[in-house]
């Protein structure tokens, strides 16, 4: 059963750099202390409103210089507080993904679908949370989703 249906859409909030890398298909595993109740489905990707320059610099120091050029801090900041798309997920116990830090529950991510335009400001929450009905409806129409 998918978490995405005509009544509600669940979301997970990610820092801008991680949200972008997930939606580009580069980051295939999210690490969380707890997993969604539904072990497999589709979830919206919401970009955290908080993202300090120091966080960006710390993360980007581990990536090649060319990535820093294609993902400038200012560009990522434009995504803050917005829903940018949906992604399929599956909770697992183990993975060979280089993104798994082994302290968290690995949530494998695949099939990212960007919205043509990010949904404007939306307040996020910790863990997995329900989007407001107007955003759920918008995502269902944008991706041709129906009740699961």
C-alpha atoms as a PDB file:
ATOM      1  CA  UNK A   1       0.000   0.000   0.000  1.00  0.00           C
ATOM      2  CA  UNK A   2       1.356   3.408  -0.940  1.00  0.00           C
ATOM      3  CA  UNK A   3       1.430   6.329   1.476  1.00  0.00           C
ATOM      4  CA  UNK A   4       0.355   8.542  -1.401  1.00  0.00           C
ATOM      5  CA  UNK A   5      -3.371   8.575  -2.155  1.00  0.00           C
ATOM      6  CA  UNK A   6      -6.154  10.977  -3.002  1.00  0.00           C
ATOM      7  CA  UNK A   7      -6.796  11.885   0.631  1.00  0.00           C
ATOM      8  CA  UNK A   8      -3.341  12.718   1.885  1.00  0.00           C
ATOM      9  CA  UNK A   9       0.273  12.925   0.925  1.00  0.00           C
ATOM     10  CA  UNK A  10       3.026  12.362   3.450  1.00  0.00           C
ATOM     11  CA  UNK A  11       6.285  14.273   3.218  1.00  0.00           C
ATOM     12  CA  UNK A  12       9.782  14.158   4.599  1.00  0.00           C
ATOM     13  CA  UNK A  13      11.791  17.306   5.080  1.00  0.00           C
ATOM     14  CA  UNK A  14      15.415  17.396   3.960  1.00  0.00           C
ATOM     15  CA  UNK A  15      18.090  20.091   4.053  1.00  0.00           C
ATOM     16  CA  UNK A  16      18.379  21.773   0.618  1.00  0.00           C
ATOM     17  CA  UNK A  17      21.611  20.042  -0.417  1.00  0.00           C
ATOM     18  CA  UNK A  18      20.267  16.583   0.455  1.00  0.00           C
ATOM     19  CA  UNK A  19      16.867  17.261  -1.141  1.00  0.00           C
ATOM     20  CA  UNK A  20      18.567  18.286  -4.383  1.00  0.00           C
ATOM     21  CA  UNK A  21      20.884  15.259  -4.408  1.00  0.00           C
ATOM     22  CA  UNK A  22      17.939  12.919  -3.688  1.00  0.00           C
ATOM     23  CA  UNK A  23      15.821  14.433  -6.453  1.00  0.00           C
ATOM     24  CA  UNK A  24      18.712  14.178  -8.915  1.00  0.00           C
ATOM     25  CA  UNK A  25      18.960  10.452  -8.125  1.00  0.00           C
ATOM     26  CA  UNK A  26      22.482  10.877  -6.769  1.00  0.00           C
ATOM     27  CA  UNK A  27      21.632  10.127  -3.114  1.00  0.00           C
ATOM     28  CA  UNK A  28      19.759   6.801  -2.976  1.00  0.00           C
ATOM     29  CA  UNK A  29      19.462   6.291   0.781  1.00  0.00           C
ATOM     30  CA  UNK A  30      18.050   8.429   3.573  1.00  0.00           C
ATOM     31  CA  UNK A  31      19.068   7.716   7.158  1.00  0.00           C
ATOM     32  CA  UNK A  32      16.433   8.202   9.838  1.00  0.00           C
ATOM     33  CA  UNK A  33      16.099   7.138  13.460  1.00  0.00           C
ATOM     34  CA  UNK A  34      12.659   5.787  12.681  1.00  0.00           C
ATOM     35  CA  UNK A  35      11.050   4.592   9.483  1.00  0.00           C
ATOM     36  CA  UNK A  36       7.633   5.415   8.059  1.00  0.00           C
ATOM     37  CA  UNK A  37       4.851   3.129   9.290  1.00  0.00           C
ATOM     38  CA  UNK A  38       4.224   2.050   5.709  1.00  0.00           C
ATOM     39  CA  UNK A  39       7.419   0.271   4.592  1.00  0.00           C
ATOM     40  CA  UNK A  40       7.080   1.029   0.893  1.00  0.00           C
ATOM     41  CA  UNK A  41       5.428   3.793  -1.088  1.00  0.00           C
ATOM     42  CA  UNK A  42       5.777   7.296  -2.458  1.00  0.00           C
ATOM     43  CA  UNK A  43       6.513  10.365  -0.394  1.00  0.00           C
ATOM     44  CA  UNK A  44       6.807  14.086  -1.110  1.00  0.00           C
ATOM     45  CA  UNK A  45      10.171  15.796  -0.754  1.00  0.00           C
ATOM     46  CA  UNK A  46       9.994  19.027   1.240  1.00  0.00           C
ATOM     47  CA  UNK A  47      13.022  21.306   1.538  1.00  0.00           C
ATOM     48  CA  UNK A  48      13.878  22.576   4.999  1.00  0.00           C
ATOM     49  CA  UNK A  49      13.600  26.320   5.522  1.00  0.00           C
ATOM     50  CA  UNK A  50      16.715  26.317   7.675  1.00  0.00           C
ATOM     51  CA  UNK A  51      20.068  25.986   5.942  1.00  0.00           C
ATOM     52  CA  UNK A  52      23.071  27.902   7.205  1.00  0.00           C
ATOM     53  CA  UNK A  53      26.048  28.750   5.022  1.00  0.00           C
ATOM     54  CA  UNK A  54      28.231  26.791   7.471  1.00  0.00           C
ATOM     55  CA  UNK A  55      26.162  23.620   6.854  1.00  0.00           C
ATOM     56  CA  UNK A  56      26.564  24.058   3.113  1.00  0.00           C
ATOM     57  CA  UNK A  57      30.321  24.571   3.386  1.00  0.00           C
ATOM     58  CA  UNK A  58      30.722  21.525   5.656  1.00  0.00           C
ATOM     59  CA  UNK A  59      28.777  19.235   3.308  1.00  0.00           C
ATOM     60  CA  UNK A  60      30.292  20.590   0.113  1.00  0.00           C
ATOM     61  CA  UNK A  61      33.848  20.217   1.411  1.00  0.00           C
ATOM     62  CA  UNK A  62      33.455  16.468   0.799  1.00  0.00           C
ATOM     63  CA  UNK A  63      32.393  16.884  -2.836  1.00  0.00           C
ATOM     64  CA  UNK A  64      34.355  17.757  -5.980  1.00  0.00           C
ATOM     65  CA  UNK A  65      34.777  21.454  -6.805  1.00  0.00           C
ATOM     66  CA  UNK A  66      32.673  21.121  -9.980  1.00  0.00           C
ATOM     67  CA  UNK A  67      29.646  20.147  -7.867  1.00  0.00           C
ATOM     68  CA  UNK A  68      30.058  23.310  -5.804  1.00  0.00           C
ATOM     69  CA  UNK A  69      29.915  25.292  -9.061  1.00  0.00           C
ATOM     70  CA  UNK A  70      26.696  23.607 -10.198  1.00  0.00           C
ATOM     71  CA  UNK A  71      25.079  23.806  -6.750  1.00  0.00           C
ATOM     72  CA  UNK A  72      25.834  27.253  -5.386  1.00  0.00           C
ATOM     73  CA  UNK A  73      24.481  28.049  -1.928  1.00  0.00           C
ATOM     74  CA  UNK A  74      22.213  30.773  -3.311  1.00  0.00           C
ATOM     75  CA  UNK A  75      20.553  28.371  -5.793  1.00  0.00           C
ATOM     76  CA  UNK A  76      19.816  25.854  -3.040  1.00  0.00           C
ATOM     77  CA  UNK A  77      18.393  28.596  -0.817  1.00  0.00           C
ATOM     78  CA  UNK A  78      15.743  29.291  -3.471  1.00  0.00           C
ATOM     79  CA  UNK A  79      14.266  25.845  -2.697  1.00  0.00           C
ATOM     80  CA  UNK A  80      13.893  26.417   1.055  1.00  0.00           C
ATOM     81  CA  UNK A  81      10.435  25.799   2.483  1.00  0.00           C
ATOM     82  CA  UNK A  82       9.067  24.314  -0.746  1.00  0.00           C
ATOM     83  CA  UNK A  83       7.789  20.930  -1.899  1.00  0.00           C
ATOM     84  CA  UNK A  84       9.879  20.028  -4.942  1.00  0.00           C
ATOM     85  CA  UNK A  85       8.589  16.599  -5.987  1.00  0.00           C
ATOM     86  CA  UNK A  86       7.909  13.021  -4.957  1.00  0.00           C
ATOM     87  CA  UNK A  87      10.075   9.930  -4.649  1.00  0.00           C
ATOM     88  CA  UNK A  88       9.471   6.222  -4.140  1.00  0.00           C
ATOM     89  CA  UNK A  89      10.891   4.677  -0.988  1.00  0.00           C
ATOM     90  CA  UNK A  90      11.361   1.287   0.635  1.00  0.00           C
ATOM     91  CA  UNK A  91      12.436   0.667   4.223  1.00  0.00           C
ATOM     92  CA  UNK A  92      15.077  -2.023   4.593  1.00  0.00           C
ATOM     93  CA  UNK A  93      17.307  -3.417   7.318  1.00  0.00           C
ATOM     94  CA  UNK A  94      20.579  -3.242   5.389  1.00  0.00           C
ATOM     95  CA  UNK A  95      21.974  -1.794   2.198  1.00  0.00           C
ATOM     96  CA  UNK A  96      25.243  -1.529   0.324  1.00  0.00           C
ATOM     97  CA  UNK A  97      24.571   2.141  -0.436  1.00  0.00           C
ATOM     98  CA  UNK A  98      27.505   4.405   0.351  1.00  0.00           C
ATOM     99  CA  UNK A  99      24.971   6.872   1.789  1.00  0.00           C
ATOM    100  CA  UNK A 100      23.920   4.560   4.651  1.00  0.00           C
ATOM    101  CA  UNK A 101      25.616   5.592   7.908  1.00  0.00           C
ATOM    102  CA  UNK A 102      24.606   2.397   9.793  1.00  0.00           C
ATOM    103  CA  UNK A 103      23.348   4.373  12.809  1.00  0.00           C
ATOM    104  CA  UNK A 104      20.002   5.015  11.182  1.00  0.00           C
ATOM    105  CA  UNK A 105      17.274   3.050   9.504  1.00  0.00           C
ATOM    106  CA  UNK A 106      18.078   2.895   5.781  1.00  0.00           C
ATOM    107  CA  UNK A 107      15.285   4.139   3.575  1.00  0.00           C
ATOM    108  CA  UNK A 108      16.058   3.397  -0.052  1.00  0.00           C
ATOM    109  CA  UNK A 109      14.986   6.065  -2.531  1.00  0.00           C
ATOM    110  CA  UNK A 110      14.226   5.725  -6.243  1.00  0.00           C
ATOM    111  CA  UNK A 111      12.281   7.201  -9.143  1.00  0.00           C
ATOM    112  CA  UNK A 112      12.431  10.910  -8.222  1.00  0.00           C
ATOM    113  CA  UNK A 113       9.837  13.095  -9.973  1.00  0.00           C
ATOM    114  CA  UNK A 114      10.348  16.857  -9.880  1.00  0.00           C
ATOM    115  CA  UNK A 115       7.434  19.235  -9.914  1.00  0.00           C
ATOM    116  CA  UNK A 116       7.632  21.587 -12.921  1.00  0.00           C
ATOM    117  CA  UNK A 117       7.712  24.412 -10.370  1.00  0.00           C
ATOM    118  CA  UNK A 118       8.296  23.918  -6.626  1.00  0.00           C
ATOM    119  CA  UNK A 119       5.148  24.334  -4.553  1.00  0.00           C
ATOM    120  CA  UNK A 120       5.496  27.668  -2.730  1.00  0.00           C
ATOM    121  CA  UNK A 121       6.241  27.988   0.937  1.00  0.00           C
ATOM    122  CA  UNK A 122       5.018  25.150   3.048  1.00  0.00           C
ATOM    123  CA  UNK A 123       5.881  24.706   6.705  1.00  0.00           C
ATOM    124  CA  UNK A 124       7.691  21.420   7.341  1.00  0.00           C
ATOM    125  CA  UNK A 125       7.874  19.092  10.318  1.00  0.00           C
ATOM    126  CA  UNK A 126      10.090  16.402  11.750  1.00  0.00           C
ATOM    127  CA  UNK A 127       9.860  12.763  10.669  1.00  0.00           C
ATOM    128  CA  UNK A 128       7.037  11.976   8.224  1.00  0.00           C
ATOM    129  CA  UNK A 129       4.149  14.364   8.165  1.00  0.00           C
ATOM    130  CA  UNK A 130       0.898  15.026   6.317  1.00  0.00           C
ATOM    131  CA  UNK A 131       0.893  17.808   3.767  1.00  0.00           C
ATOM    132  CA  UNK A 132      -2.034  20.234   3.807  1.00  0.00           C
ATOM    133  CA  UNK A 133      -4.962  19.065   1.622  1.00  0.00           C
ATOM    134  CA  UNK A 134      -4.380  21.711  -1.082  1.00  0.00           C
ATOM    135  CA  UNK A 135      -0.796  20.521  -1.590  1.00  0.00           C
ATOM    136  CA  UNK A 136      -1.829  16.852  -1.497  1.00  0.00           C
ATOM    137  CA  UNK A 137      -4.425  17.558  -4.179  1.00  0.00           C
ATOM    138  CA  UNK A 138      -1.879  19.446  -6.295  1.00  0.00           C
ATOM    139  CA  UNK A 139       0.645  16.576  -6.117  1.00  0.00           C
ATOM    140  CA  UNK A 140      -1.983  13.964  -6.920  1.00  0.00           C
ATOM    141  CA  UNK A 141      -3.014  15.914 -10.041  1.00  0.00           C
ATOM    142  CA  UNK A 142       0.584  16.701 -11.060  1.00  0.00           C
ATOM    143  CA  UNK A 143       1.647  13.049 -10.960  1.00  0.00           C
ATOM    144  CA  UNK A 144      -1.615  11.345 -12.006  1.00  0.00           C
ATOM    145  CA  UNK A 145      -1.900   9.553  -8.687  1.00  0.00           C
ATOM    146  CA  UNK A 146      -5.041   7.850  -7.510  1.00  0.00           C
ATOM    147  CA  UNK A 147      -6.225   6.197  -4.331  1.00  0.00           C
ATOM    148  CA  UNK A 148      -4.093   3.186  -3.463  1.00  0.00           C
END
